[in-house]
């Protein structure tokens, strides 16, 4: 039996959140805005997304889901500074393109 090698594929992050009035969602947004982590935000209040989150065992927003190779490898709900820091430090997490300043010649 050969040893399992960890995947070096990029990890994608999807956040199921509420549009307004969610303190935890706002805190997660502010924390991730300070990083270069690429995040896909979806409306967690649609029937389909709410059922998906409940299926993962979560009833609190936001629900953060991390995928690698199309498979869920991690998920949690609520604002979690420790997990946010893990995402920011993980070299496999997809990143936003750097913003480059144009300098007039």
N, C-alpha and C. Protein backbone atom coordinates (compact mmCIF):
# COMPACT_ATOMS: atom_id res chain seq x y z
N UNK A 1 0.85 -1.18 0.00
CA UNK A 1 0.00 0.00 0.00
C UNK A 1 0.89 1.23 0.00
N UNK A 2 0.68 2.15 -0.95
CA UNK A 2 1.52 3.33 -1.04
C UNK A 2 1.02 4.42 -0.10
N UNK A 3 1.94 5.26 0.41
CA UNK A 3 1.51 6.32 1.32
C UNK A 3 0.70 7.38 0.56
N UNK A 4 -0.20 8.01 1.28
CA UNK A 4 -1.03 9.06 0.69
C UNK A 4 -0.22 10.35 0.67
N UNK A 5 -0.12 10.94 -0.50
CA UNK A 5 0.60 12.20 -0.59
C UNK A 5 -0.41 13.34 -0.55
N UNK A 6 -0.09 14.38 0.21
CA UNK A 6 -1.03 15.50 0.28
C UNK A 6 -1.13 16.22 -1.07
N UNK A 7 -2.29 16.71 -1.36
CA UNK A 7 -2.51 17.41 -2.62
C UNK A 7 -1.86 18.78 -2.59
N UNK A 8 -1.33 19.18 -3.73
CA UNK A 8 -0.76 20.51 -3.85
C UNK A 8 -1.64 21.38 -4.74
N UNK A 9 -2.86 20.93 -4.97
CA UNK A 9 -3.82 21.71 -5.75
C UNK A 9 -4.27 22.92 -4.93
N UNK A 10 -4.67 23.99 -5.63
CA UNK A 10 -5.13 25.17 -4.90
C UNK A 10 -6.42 24.89 -4.13
N UNK A 11 -6.59 25.62 -3.05
CA UNK A 11 -7.80 25.53 -2.23
C UNK A 11 -8.66 26.76 -2.51
N UNK A 12 -9.95 26.54 -2.66
CA UNK A 12 -10.86 27.66 -2.87
C UNK A 12 -11.75 27.82 -1.64
N UNK A 13 -12.14 29.07 -1.39
CA UNK A 13 -12.92 29.40 -0.19
C UNK A 13 -14.26 30.00 -0.63
N UNK A 14 -15.34 29.42 -0.10
CA UNK A 14 -16.68 29.92 -0.37
C UNK A 14 -17.33 30.27 0.97
N UNK A 15 -17.90 31.48 1.04
CA UNK A 15 -18.57 31.91 2.26
C UNK A 15 -20.05 32.08 1.97
N UNK A 16 -20.87 31.38 2.75
CA UNK A 16 -22.32 31.49 2.68
C UNK A 16 -22.69 32.48 3.78
N UNK A 17 -23.17 33.66 3.40
CA UNK A 17 -23.45 34.69 4.40
C UNK A 17 -24.79 35.36 4.15
N UNK A 18 -25.18 36.17 5.12
CA UNK A 18 -26.39 36.97 5.00
C UNK A 18 -26.01 38.32 4.41
N UNK A 19 -26.96 38.95 3.74
CA UNK A 19 -26.67 40.23 3.09
C UNK A 19 -26.51 41.38 4.08
N UNK A 20 -27.37 41.45 5.08
CA UNK A 20 -27.33 42.58 6.01
C UNK A 20 -27.61 42.12 7.43
N UNK A 21 -27.11 42.91 8.36
CA UNK A 21 -27.47 42.72 9.76
C UNK A 21 -26.83 41.55 10.48
N UNK A 22 -25.87 40.90 9.88
CA UNK A 22 -25.23 39.76 10.53
C UNK A 22 -23.87 40.20 11.07
N UNK A 23 -23.76 40.31 12.36
CA UNK A 23 -22.53 40.77 13.00
C UNK A 23 -21.37 39.83 12.68
N UNK A 24 -21.62 38.54 12.74
CA UNK A 24 -20.57 37.55 12.46
C UNK A 24 -20.10 37.64 11.00
N UNK A 25 -21.04 37.82 10.07
CA UNK A 25 -20.69 37.95 8.65
C UNK A 25 -19.86 39.20 8.41
N UNK A 26 -20.27 40.30 9.03
CA UNK A 26 -19.52 41.56 8.89
C UNK A 26 -18.11 41.43 9.44
N UNK A 27 -17.96 40.75 10.58
CA UNK A 27 -16.63 40.55 11.17
C UNK A 27 -15.76 39.70 10.25
N UNK A 28 -16.34 38.66 9.65
CA UNK A 28 -15.59 37.81 8.72
C UNK A 28 -15.17 38.61 7.50
N UNK A 29 -16.07 39.43 6.97
CA UNK A 29 -15.75 40.27 5.81
C UNK A 29 -14.58 41.21 6.12
N UNK A 30 -14.63 41.86 7.28
CA UNK A 30 -13.55 42.79 7.66
C UNK A 30 -12.22 42.07 7.83
N UNK A 31 -12.25 40.90 8.45
CA UNK A 31 -11.00 40.15 8.67
C UNK A 31 -10.40 39.69 7.36
N UNK A 32 -11.22 39.18 6.45
CA UNK A 32 -10.70 38.69 5.17
C UNK A 32 -10.28 39.83 4.25
N UNK A 33 -10.88 41.00 4.42
CA UNK A 33 -10.49 42.16 3.61
C UNK A 33 -9.05 42.57 3.90
N UNK A 34 -8.54 42.20 5.05
CA UNK A 34 -7.16 42.53 5.43
C UNK A 34 -6.16 41.53 4.86
N UNK A 35 -6.65 40.51 4.16
CA UNK A 35 -5.78 39.49 3.58
C UNK A 35 -5.89 39.53 2.06
N UNK A 36 -5.10 38.68 1.41
CA UNK A 36 -5.21 38.57 -0.05
C UNK A 36 -5.92 37.27 -0.45
N UNK A 37 -6.62 36.65 0.49
CA UNK A 37 -7.35 35.40 0.22
C UNK A 37 -8.50 35.70 -0.74
N UNK A 38 -8.58 34.91 -1.81
CA UNK A 38 -9.66 35.03 -2.78
C UNK A 38 -10.88 34.28 -2.24
N UNK A 39 -11.98 34.99 -2.09
CA UNK A 39 -13.19 34.43 -1.49
C UNK A 39 -14.35 34.59 -2.46
N UNK A 40 -15.14 33.53 -2.58
CA UNK A 40 -16.39 33.60 -3.32
C UNK A 40 -17.51 33.69 -2.29
N UNK A 41 -18.27 34.79 -2.34
CA UNK A 41 -19.38 34.96 -1.42
C UNK A 41 -20.68 34.57 -2.10
N UNK A 42 -21.50 33.81 -1.39
CA UNK A 42 -22.81 33.43 -1.90
C UNK A 42 -23.87 33.77 -0.86
N UNK A 43 -25.08 33.92 -1.33
CA UNK A 43 -26.20 34.23 -0.45
C UNK A 43 -26.59 32.99 0.34
N UNK A 44 -26.32 33.02 1.62
CA UNK A 44 -26.62 31.87 2.47
C UNK A 44 -28.08 31.77 2.85
N UNK A 45 -28.90 32.71 2.41
CA UNK A 45 -30.30 32.71 2.80
C UNK A 45 -31.22 32.05 1.78
N UNK A 46 -30.68 31.64 0.62
CA UNK A 46 -31.54 30.94 -0.34
C UNK A 46 -31.84 29.55 0.22
N UNK A 47 -32.97 28.99 -0.19
CA UNK A 47 -33.35 27.66 0.31
C UNK A 47 -32.25 26.63 0.05
N UNK A 48 -31.72 26.64 -1.16
CA UNK A 48 -30.69 25.66 -1.54
C UNK A 48 -29.43 25.81 -0.68
N UNK A 49 -28.95 27.04 -0.52
CA UNK A 49 -27.73 27.24 0.26
C UNK A 49 -27.95 27.01 1.75
N UNK A 50 -29.14 27.37 2.25
CA UNK A 50 -29.45 27.11 3.66
C UNK A 50 -29.45 25.60 3.93
N UNK A 51 -30.05 24.83 3.03
CA UNK A 51 -30.08 23.37 3.20
C UNK A 51 -28.67 22.77 3.10
N UNK A 52 -27.86 23.31 2.19
CA UNK A 52 -26.47 22.85 2.07
C UNK A 52 -25.73 23.06 3.39
N UNK A 53 -25.87 24.24 3.98
CA UNK A 53 -25.18 24.55 5.24
C UNK A 53 -25.71 23.68 6.38
N UNK A 54 -27.02 23.48 6.42
CA UNK A 54 -27.61 22.60 7.44
C UNK A 54 -27.08 21.18 7.27
N UNK A 55 -26.92 20.75 6.02
CA UNK A 55 -26.38 19.42 5.75
C UNK A 55 -24.96 19.24 6.27
N UNK A 56 -24.23 20.34 6.36
CA UNK A 56 -22.88 20.29 6.93
C UNK A 56 -22.93 20.38 8.45
N UNK A 57 -24.13 20.61 9.00
CA UNK A 57 -24.28 20.69 10.45
C UNK A 57 -24.25 22.10 11.00
N UNK A 58 -24.39 23.11 10.15
CA UNK A 58 -24.30 24.50 10.60
C UNK A 58 -25.66 25.18 10.54
N UNK A 59 -25.94 25.97 11.58
CA UNK A 59 -27.17 26.76 11.61
C UNK A 59 -26.86 28.23 11.86
N UNK A 60 -25.60 28.59 11.94
CA UNK A 60 -25.18 29.96 12.20
C UNK A 60 -24.41 30.49 11.00
N UNK A 61 -24.62 31.76 10.66
CA UNK A 61 -23.89 32.38 9.55
C UNK A 61 -22.68 33.15 10.11
N UNK A 62 -21.67 33.33 9.31
CA UNK A 62 -21.46 32.78 7.99
C UNK A 62 -20.98 31.34 8.07
N UNK A 63 -21.13 30.62 6.99
CA UNK A 63 -20.57 29.28 6.88
C UNK A 63 -19.46 29.35 5.84
N UNK A 64 -18.26 28.98 6.27
CA UNK A 64 -17.09 29.01 5.40
C UNK A 64 -16.78 27.58 4.98
N UNK A 65 -16.64 27.38 3.67
CA UNK A 65 -16.36 26.04 3.14
C UNK A 65 -15.09 26.14 2.30
N UNK A 66 -14.13 25.25 2.59
CA UNK A 66 -12.87 25.21 1.85
C UNK A 66 -12.86 23.95 0.99
N UNK A 67 -12.61 24.14 -0.30
CA UNK A 67 -12.58 23.04 -1.26
C UNK A 67 -11.16 22.84 -1.78
N UNK A 68 -10.83 21.60 -2.05
CA UNK A 68 -9.59 21.27 -2.75
C UNK A 68 -9.90 20.10 -3.67
N UNK A 69 -9.57 20.26 -4.94
CA UNK A 69 -9.88 19.23 -5.94
C UNK A 69 -11.37 18.91 -5.97
N UNK A 70 -12.22 19.94 -5.73
CA UNK A 70 -13.67 19.75 -5.78
C UNK A 70 -14.26 19.06 -4.57
N UNK A 71 -13.44 18.81 -3.55
CA UNK A 71 -13.90 18.11 -2.35
C UNK A 71 -13.84 19.06 -1.16
N UNK A 72 -14.85 19.02 -0.30
CA UNK A 72 -14.84 19.84 0.91
C UNK A 72 -13.78 19.27 1.85
N UNK A 73 -12.80 20.11 2.20
CA UNK A 73 -11.76 19.65 3.11
C UNK A 73 -11.85 20.30 4.49
N UNK A 74 -12.64 21.37 4.60
CA UNK A 74 -12.82 22.03 5.89
C UNK A 74 -14.07 22.90 5.81
N UNK A 75 -14.72 23.11 6.95
CA UNK A 75 -15.86 24.02 7.02
C UNK A 75 -16.10 24.39 8.47
N UNK A 76 -16.63 25.59 8.66
CA UNK A 76 -16.99 26.06 9.98
C UNK A 76 -18.02 27.17 9.85
N UNK A 77 -18.63 27.51 10.98
CA UNK A 77 -19.60 28.61 10.95
C UNK A 77 -19.21 29.65 11.99
N UNK A 78 -19.72 30.86 11.77
CA UNK A 78 -19.42 31.96 12.66
C UNK A 78 -18.06 32.57 12.35
N UNK A 79 -17.80 33.71 12.94
CA UNK A 79 -16.51 34.37 12.76
C UNK A 79 -15.49 33.65 13.62
N UNK A 80 -14.42 33.17 13.00
CA UNK A 80 -13.39 32.41 13.70
C UNK A 80 -12.03 33.00 13.31
N UNK A 81 -11.47 33.90 14.15
CA UNK A 81 -10.20 34.54 13.80
C UNK A 81 -9.05 33.55 13.59
N UNK A 82 -9.04 32.47 14.33
CA UNK A 82 -7.98 31.47 14.18
C UNK A 82 -8.02 30.81 12.80
N UNK A 83 -9.21 30.45 12.37
CA UNK A 83 -9.36 29.82 11.05
C UNK A 83 -9.05 30.83 9.95
N UNK A 84 -9.44 32.10 10.16
CA UNK A 84 -9.15 33.14 9.17
C UNK A 84 -7.63 33.29 9.02
N UNK A 85 -6.92 33.26 10.13
CA UNK A 85 -5.46 33.35 10.09
C UNK A 85 -4.85 32.14 9.39
N UNK A 86 -5.43 30.96 9.60
CA UNK A 86 -4.95 29.76 8.91
C UNK A 86 -5.09 29.91 7.40
N UNK A 87 -6.24 30.43 6.95
CA UNK A 87 -6.44 30.65 5.52
C UNK A 87 -5.39 31.61 4.96
N UNK A 88 -5.16 32.70 5.69
CA UNK A 88 -4.21 33.71 5.23
C UNK A 88 -2.79 33.15 5.15
N UNK A 89 -2.46 32.21 6.01
CA UNK A 89 -1.11 31.65 6.05
C UNK A 89 -0.92 30.44 5.13
N UNK A 90 -2.01 29.85 4.65
CA UNK A 90 -1.93 28.63 3.84
C UNK A 90 -1.47 28.97 2.42
N UNK A 91 -0.33 28.46 1.99
CA UNK A 91 0.18 28.80 0.66
C UNK A 91 -0.66 28.21 -0.49
N UNK A 92 -1.52 27.26 -0.20
CA UNK A 92 -2.34 26.66 -1.26
C UNK A 92 -3.67 27.36 -1.49
N UNK A 93 -4.04 28.28 -0.59
CA UNK A 93 -5.29 29.01 -0.75
C UNK A 93 -5.15 30.00 -1.91
N UNK A 94 -6.17 30.03 -2.77
CA UNK A 94 -6.16 30.96 -3.90
C UNK A 94 -6.09 32.39 -3.41
N UNK A 95 -5.34 33.21 -4.14
CA UNK A 95 -5.10 34.61 -3.75
C UNK A 95 -5.66 35.56 -4.80
N UNK A 96 -5.97 36.77 -4.33
CA UNK A 96 -6.37 37.84 -5.25
C UNK A 96 -5.14 38.28 -6.01
N UNK A 97 -5.35 38.73 -7.23
CA UNK A 97 -4.23 39.27 -8.01
C UNK A 97 -3.76 40.55 -7.33
N UNK A 98 -2.44 40.75 -7.28
CA UNK A 98 -1.94 41.99 -6.67
C UNK A 98 -2.36 43.20 -7.48
N UNK A 99 -2.64 44.26 -6.78
CA UNK A 99 -3.01 45.52 -7.43
C UNK A 99 -1.72 46.26 -7.75
N UNK A 100 -1.56 46.61 -8.99
CA UNK A 100 -0.35 47.29 -9.41
C UNK A 100 -0.69 48.76 -9.70
N UNK A 101 0.15 49.62 -9.21
CA UNK A 101 -0.04 51.03 -9.46
C UNK A 101 0.61 51.43 -10.76
N UNK A 102 -0.10 52.20 -11.55
CA UNK A 102 0.47 52.72 -12.78
C UNK A 102 1.19 54.03 -12.47
N UNK A 103 2.38 54.13 -12.93
CA UNK A 103 3.16 55.34 -12.69
C UNK A 103 3.35 56.03 -14.04
N UNK A 104 2.94 57.28 -14.09
CA UNK A 104 3.08 58.04 -15.33
C UNK A 104 4.55 58.28 -15.63
N UNK A 105 4.90 58.14 -16.90
CA UNK A 105 6.30 58.33 -17.30
C UNK A 105 6.61 59.79 -17.50
